[in-house]
Amino acid sequence: MEYPRRPPEPDQPSWMGYAQPLRPVQDGHNPELHPRDWQGQLAAAARGPLQWGFQAFFLGFGGFYLASLVVTAVLTRSVSDFDSPNASHSVPLGPVLPLMFLPNLLLGLVPALFSWFRGNGPRLDFGLVPSWRDLRVGLACGGISLGLGYVVNLLLLAILPQSQTGGSSLDIAFGDQRTVWAALAALFVFVGAPLTEELLVRGALWGALEHYRIHRYVILVLTSMIFAFLHQDPDRTLALFCQGMALGSARMITGRIGSSMVAHATNNLIPALVLFLVG
């Protein structure tokens, strides 16, 4: 979707101010912005107020963290029972794997509920449905994210060699139904995670910060840091931060999470294929 540009107005307040809600569309122009940034800015100003985004973010993240603790305890108990000499190995642990994805669902469910009941719906509040421009920008930023992750991880491996680990715990969990559960896991990595994580971080949180006119580059850095820590993987935190910057750039350029979802899915395509084929 293309947005028209207006000529600069000399006494017009800047959209880049701090601590005050975003003004209506006619007050959102900043002549110093590049046209691609102006389109994203105008898309943000055109939607309804998202001050409730902070509540959605903290409730979604809190629910994710608590659910992760419960699921970790359940899975740890299941694996311990499976490894016990007295345990029956007739029941594979593959069906237990969907529990691993349950906390992640809360990341997107809570912002979606807030948007439905307090906003205008995810499609209008977040730009959920990708446009053709979202696809183009998302594919480009997703490819950049893949490259950044690959380069950063290679550098970290060269500087801090990682010890070799044993076989994947998924080998035990999939059992005889490996292909079915691997396919479901890969599908969630490719589609589910980009949807839920983008709704929380670059939907609810980004929208709330944007509503109070925090500088767009501050929002980009902050949301990228949260995106990295959200994965709870210390060895990949730096790579995840760099990838988050690329994914967030799609959101910043278009003003919509439809583009960052496409970028996120593009970034997750190779890991999803590896999970399905190698698992």
Protein backbone atom coordinates (compact mmCIF):
# COMPACT_ATOMS: atom_id res chain seq x y z
CA MET A 1 0.00 0.00 0.00
CA GLU A 2 1.47 3.34 -1.04
CA TYR A 3 0.95 6.47 1.08
CA PRO A 4 0.94 10.00 -0.38
CA ARG A 5 3.54 12.50 0.66
CA ARG A 6 2.76 16.09 1.61
CA PRO A 7 5.04 19.10 1.31
CA PRO A 8 6.78 20.12 4.55
CA GLU A 9 5.10 22.66 6.77
CA PRO A 10 7.48 25.12 8.48
CA ASP A 11 5.95 25.18 11.96
CA GLN A 12 4.85 21.57 12.06
CA PRO A 13 5.82 19.57 15.18
CA SER A 14 8.17 16.68 14.60
CA TRP A 15 6.95 13.09 14.89
CA MET A 16 10.33 12.34 16.49
CA GLY A 17 9.44 14.01 19.80
CA TYR A 18 9.34 12.16 23.10
CA ALA A 19 6.84 11.51 25.90
CA GLN A 20 3.69 12.66 24.09
CA PRO A 21 1.19 10.49 22.17
CA LEU A 22 1.45 10.28 18.42
CA ARG A 23 -0.63 12.99 16.78
CA PRO A 24 -3.12 12.38 13.97
CA VAL A 25 -1.89 11.79 10.45
CA GLN A 26 -1.78 15.46 9.47
CA ASP A 27 0.65 16.15 12.35
CA GLY A 28 2.91 13.21 11.60
CA HIS A 29 5.11 14.56 8.84
CA ASN A 30 8.84 15.02 9.29
CA PRO A 31 10.51 16.46 6.17
CA GLU A 32 13.90 15.10 7.24
CA LEU A 33 12.75 11.50 6.88
CA HIS A 34 13.48 9.43 3.79
CA PRO A 35 10.32 8.63 1.77
CA ARG A 36 10.43 4.97 2.83
CA ASP A 37 10.47 6.03 6.50
CA TRP A 38 7.71 8.55 5.88
CA GLN A 39 5.45 5.76 4.62
CA GLY A 40 6.03 3.72 7.76
CA GLN A 41 5.51 6.79 9.94
CA LEU A 42 2.24 7.65 8.21
CA ALA A 43 1.01 4.06 8.57
CA ALA A 44 1.70 4.28 12.31
CA ALA A 45 -0.06 7.62 12.69
CA ALA A 46 -3.10 6.43 10.75
CA ARG A 47 -3.94 3.60 13.16
CA GLY A 48 -5.67 3.94 16.50
CA PRO A 49 -3.90 4.61 19.82
CA LEU A 50 -1.86 1.67 21.09
CA GLN A 51 -1.10 2.79 24.65
CA TRP A 52 -2.50 -0.57 25.78
CA GLY A 53 0.44 -2.22 24.02
CA PHE A 54 2.54 -2.06 27.20
CA GLN A 55 -0.05 -4.05 29.13
CA ALA A 56 -0.33 -6.58 26.31
CA PHE A 57 3.44 -6.95 26.15
CA PHE A 58 4.03 -7.48 29.87
CA LEU A 59 1.08 -9.85 30.28
CA GLY A 60 2.09 -11.81 27.18
CA PHE A 61 5.72 -12.03 28.23
CA GLY A 62 4.78 -12.88 31.83
CA GLY A 63 2.44 -15.63 30.69
CA PHE A 64 5.14 -16.95 28.36
CA TYR A 65 7.70 -17.07 31.18
CA LEU A 66 5.40 -18.79 33.68
CA ALA A 67 4.17 -21.29 31.10
CA SER A 68 7.79 -22.02 30.14
CA LEU A 69 8.60 -22.92 33.74
CA VAL A 70 5.63 -25.29 33.95
CA VAL A 71 6.36 -26.92 30.59
CA THR A 72 10.05 -27.31 31.45
CA ALA A 73 9.13 -29.08 34.69
CA VAL A 74 6.70 -31.39 32.86
CA LEU A 75 9.14 -32.24 30.08
CA THR A 76 12.00 -32.76 32.53
CA ARG A 77 9.85 -35.21 34.48
CA SER A 78 8.80 -36.98 31.27
CA VAL A 79 12.40 -37.41 30.08
CA SER A 80 13.50 -38.60 33.53
CA ASP A 81 10.72 -41.18 33.62
CA PHE A 82 11.58 -42.25 30.08
CA ASP A 83 15.23 -42.80 31.00
CA SER A 84 14.35 -44.70 34.16
CA PRO A 85 15.29 -48.44 34.09
CA ASN A 86 11.70 -49.28 35.11
CA ALA A 87 10.06 -47.03 32.52
CA SER A 88 8.02 -48.44 29.67
CA HIS A 89 9.36 -47.40 26.27
CA SER A 90 6.18 -48.28 24.44
CA VAL A 91 4.88 -44.68 24.43
CA PRO A 92 7.01 -42.19 22.43
CA LEU A 93 7.53 -38.72 23.75
CA GLY A 94 6.75 -37.12 20.40
CA PRO A 95 3.17 -36.21 21.38
CA VAL A 96 4.59 -34.30 24.36
CA LEU A 97 6.49 -31.91 22.08
CA PRO A 98 3.53 -29.60 21.37
CA LEU A 99 3.83 -28.57 25.02
CA MET A 100 7.13 -26.92 24.09
CA PHE A 101 5.26 -24.57 21.78
CA LEU A 102 2.43 -23.72 24.17
CA PRO A 103 4.27 -20.84 25.95
CA ASN A 104 5.12 -19.30 22.58
CA LEU A 105 1.45 -19.19 21.64
CA LEU A 106 0.79 -16.86 24.58
CA LEU A 107 3.17 -14.32 23.09
CA GLY A 108 0.78 -13.69 20.23
CA LEU A 109 -2.53 -14.56 21.86
CA VAL A 110 -2.41 -11.83 24.51
CA PRO A 111 -1.68 -8.93 22.08
CA ALA A 112 -4.35 -10.28 19.73
CA LEU A 113 -6.94 -10.33 22.55
CA PHE A 114 -6.04 -6.78 23.58
CA SER A 115 -6.34 -5.65 19.98
CA TRP A 116 -9.73 -7.32 19.53
CA PHE A 117 -11.24 -5.95 22.74
CA ARG A 118 -9.49 -2.59 23.14
CA GLY A 119 -8.33 -1.72 19.66
CA ASN A 120 -9.45 -2.15 16.07
CA GLY A 121 -8.28 -5.73 15.56
CA PRO A 122 -4.79 -7.06 14.68
CA ARG A 123 -5.21 -6.33 10.99
CA LEU A 124 -5.65 -2.59 11.54
CA ASP A 125 -3.66 -2.14 14.77
CA PHE A 126 -0.58 -4.07 13.64
CA GLY A 127 -0.81 -4.34 9.85
CA LEU A 128 -1.02 -8.11 10.25
CA VAL A 129 -1.92 -9.12 6.69
CA PRO A 130 1.13 -8.65 4.40
CA SER A 131 0.79 -6.43 1.36
CA TRP A 132 2.88 -6.79 -1.78
CA ARG A 133 5.25 -4.15 -0.45
CA ASP A 134 5.48 -6.06 2.84
CA LEU A 135 6.48 -9.16 0.89
CA ARG A 136 9.24 -7.35 -0.99
CA VAL A 137 10.64 -5.60 2.07
CA GLY A 138 10.21 -8.68 4.24
CA LEU A 139 12.02 -11.01 1.87
CA ALA A 140 14.91 -8.56 1.58
CA CYS A 141 15.23 -8.03 5.34
CA GLY A 142 14.80 -11.76 5.99
CA GLY A 143 17.67 -12.54 3.64
CA ILE A 144 19.84 -9.95 5.38
CA SER A 145 18.91 -11.48 8.74
CA LEU A 146 19.96 -14.94 7.56
CA GLY A 147 23.31 -13.61 6.39
CA LEU A 148 23.91 -11.69 9.62
CA GLY A 149 23.10 -14.71 11.76
CA TYR A 150 25.43 -16.92 9.73
CA VAL A 151 28.36 -14.47 9.85
CA VAL A 152 27.98 -13.63 13.55
CA ASN A 153 27.72 -17.28 14.55
CA LEU A 154 30.82 -18.13 12.50
CA LEU A 155 32.76 -15.33 14.21
CA LEU A 156 31.63 -16.48 17.65
CA LEU A 157 32.60 -20.07 16.87
CA ALA A 158 36.06 -18.88 15.79
CA ILE A 159 36.50 -16.78 18.93
CA LEU A 160 34.77 -19.06 21.44
CA PRO A 161 34.78 -22.65 20.14
CA GLN A 162 31.81 -24.61 21.44
CA SER A 163 32.20 -28.08 22.89
CA GLN A 164 30.62 -30.95 21.00
CA THR A 165 27.37 -32.14 22.45
CA GLY A 166 25.71 -35.51 22.29
CA GLY A 167 22.77 -36.52 20.14
CA SER A 168 19.67 -34.42 20.01
CA SER A 169 17.03 -35.06 22.62
CA LEU A 170 14.55 -34.91 19.74
CA ASP A 171 15.92 -38.24 18.54
CA ILE A 172 14.42 -39.85 21.64
CA ALA A 173 11.29 -37.76 21.68
CA PHE A 174 10.21 -38.41 18.09
CA GLY A 175 10.49 -42.18 18.39
CA ASP A 176 8.82 -44.09 15.56
CA GLN A 177 6.66 -41.10 14.66
CA ARG A 178 9.63 -38.86 13.97
CA THR A 179 8.43 -37.52 10.62
CA VAL A 180 5.01 -36.41 11.89
CA TRP A 181 6.29 -34.55 14.93
CA ALA A 182 9.30 -33.14 13.09
CA ALA A 183 6.95 -31.77 10.43
CA LEU A 184 4.73 -30.14 13.04
CA ALA A 185 7.74 -28.65 14.82
CA ALA A 186 9.17 -27.33 11.54
CA LEU A 187 5.80 -25.83 10.59
CA PHE A 188 5.60 -23.98 13.89
CA VAL A 189 9.15 -22.66 13.51
CA PHE A 190 8.35 -21.38 10.02
CA VAL A 191 4.82 -19.99 10.58
CA GLY A 192 3.86 -20.03 14.27
CA ALA A 193 6.90 -18.39 15.84
CA PRO A 194 7.06 -15.48 13.35
CA LEU A 195 3.37 -14.77 13.99
CA THR A 196 3.41 -14.89 17.80
CA GLU A 197 6.78 -13.21 18.37
CA GLU A 198 6.07 -10.40 15.93
CA LEU A 199 2.66 -9.72 17.48
CA LEU A 200 4.29 -9.30 20.89
CA VAL A 201 7.58 -7.53 20.19
CA ARG A 202 7.09 -5.57 16.98
CA GLY A 203 3.34 -5.38 17.34
CA ALA A 204 2.31 -4.57 20.92
CA LEU A 205 5.59 -3.24 22.32
CA TRP A 206 6.71 -1.38 19.19
CA GLY A 207 3.24 0.11 18.75
CA ALA A 208 3.13 1.36 22.36
CA LEU A 209 6.58 2.94 22.14
CA GLU A 210 5.69 4.43 18.78
CA HIS A 211 2.46 5.81 20.21
CA TYR A 212 4.51 7.84 22.70
CA ARG A 213 6.83 8.97 19.89
CA ILE A 214 10.02 7.29 21.04
CA HIS A 215 12.72 7.70 18.40
CA ARG A 216 12.32 4.97 15.80
CA TYR A 217 15.96 3.87 16.08
CA VAL A 218 15.66 3.60 19.86
CA ILE A 219 12.61 1.39 19.33
CA LEU A 220 14.54 -0.71 16.81
CA VAL A 221 17.43 -1.32 19.19
CA LEU A 222 15.24 -1.92 22.25
CA THR A 223 12.91 -4.40 20.54
CA SER A 224 15.89 -6.21 19.01
CA MET A 225 17.41 -6.66 22.47
CA ILE A 226 14.14 -8.01 23.86
CA PHE A 227 13.78 -10.29 20.84
CA ALA A 228 17.24 -11.71 21.52
CA PHE A 229 16.69 -12.28 25.25
CA LEU A 230 13.25 -13.75 24.60
CA HIS A 231 14.86 -16.84 23.07
CA GLN A 232 16.77 -17.59 26.31
CA ASP A 233 19.79 -18.86 24.37
CA PRO A 234 22.98 -17.14 25.69
CA ASP A 235 25.19 -18.64 22.98
CA ARG A 236 23.11 -17.00 20.24
CA THR A 237 22.14 -13.72 21.94
CA LEU A 238 24.46 -11.54 19.84
CA ALA A 239 23.41 -13.20 16.58
CA LEU A 240 19.74 -12.93 17.56
CA PHE A 241 20.17 -9.24 18.33
CA CYS A 242 21.70 -8.59 14.89
CA GLN A 243 18.95 -10.60 13.25
CA GLY A 244 16.35 -8.69 15.27
CA MET A 245 17.75 -5.44 13.88
CA ALA A 246 17.19 -6.74 10.35
CA LEU A 247 13.68 -7.99 11.12
CA GLY A 248 12.80 -4.76 12.91
CA SER A 249 13.99 -2.74 9.92
CA ALA A 250 11.18 -4.29 7.89
CA ARG A 251 8.70 -3.13 10.53
CA MET A 252 10.26 0.34 10.66
CA ILE A 253 10.22 0.84 6.89
CA THR A 254 6.63 -0.25 6.31
CA GLY A 255 5.02 0.53 9.67
CA ARG A 256 3.43 -2.94 9.62
CA ILE A 257 4.28 -6.29 11.21
CA GLY A 258 3.17 -8.02 8.03
CA SER A 259 6.61 -7.23 6.60
CA SER A 260 8.51 -8.30 9.73
CA MET A 261 6.52 -11.55 9.79
CA VAL A 262 7.60 -12.28 6.23
CA ALA A 263 11.19 -11.42 7.18
CA HIS A 264 10.99 -13.63 10.28
CA ALA A 265 9.57 -16.56 8.29
CA THR A 266 12.30 -16.13 5.67
CA ASN A 267 14.92 -16.16 8.41
CA ASN A 268 13.38 -19.32 9.95
CA LEU A 269 13.02 -21.24 6.69
CA ILE A 270 16.43 -22.93 6.79
CA PRO A 271 16.21 -23.88 10.51
CA ALA A 272 12.74 -25.29 9.86
CA LEU A 273 14.02 -27.39 6.96
CA VAL A 274 16.95 -28.63 9.03
CA LEU A 275 14.59 -29.56 11.87
CA PHE A 276 12.38 -31.51 9.48
CA LEU A 277 15.14 -33.25 7.50
CA VAL A 278 17.70 -33.81 10.27
CA GLY A 279 15.65 -33.33 13.46
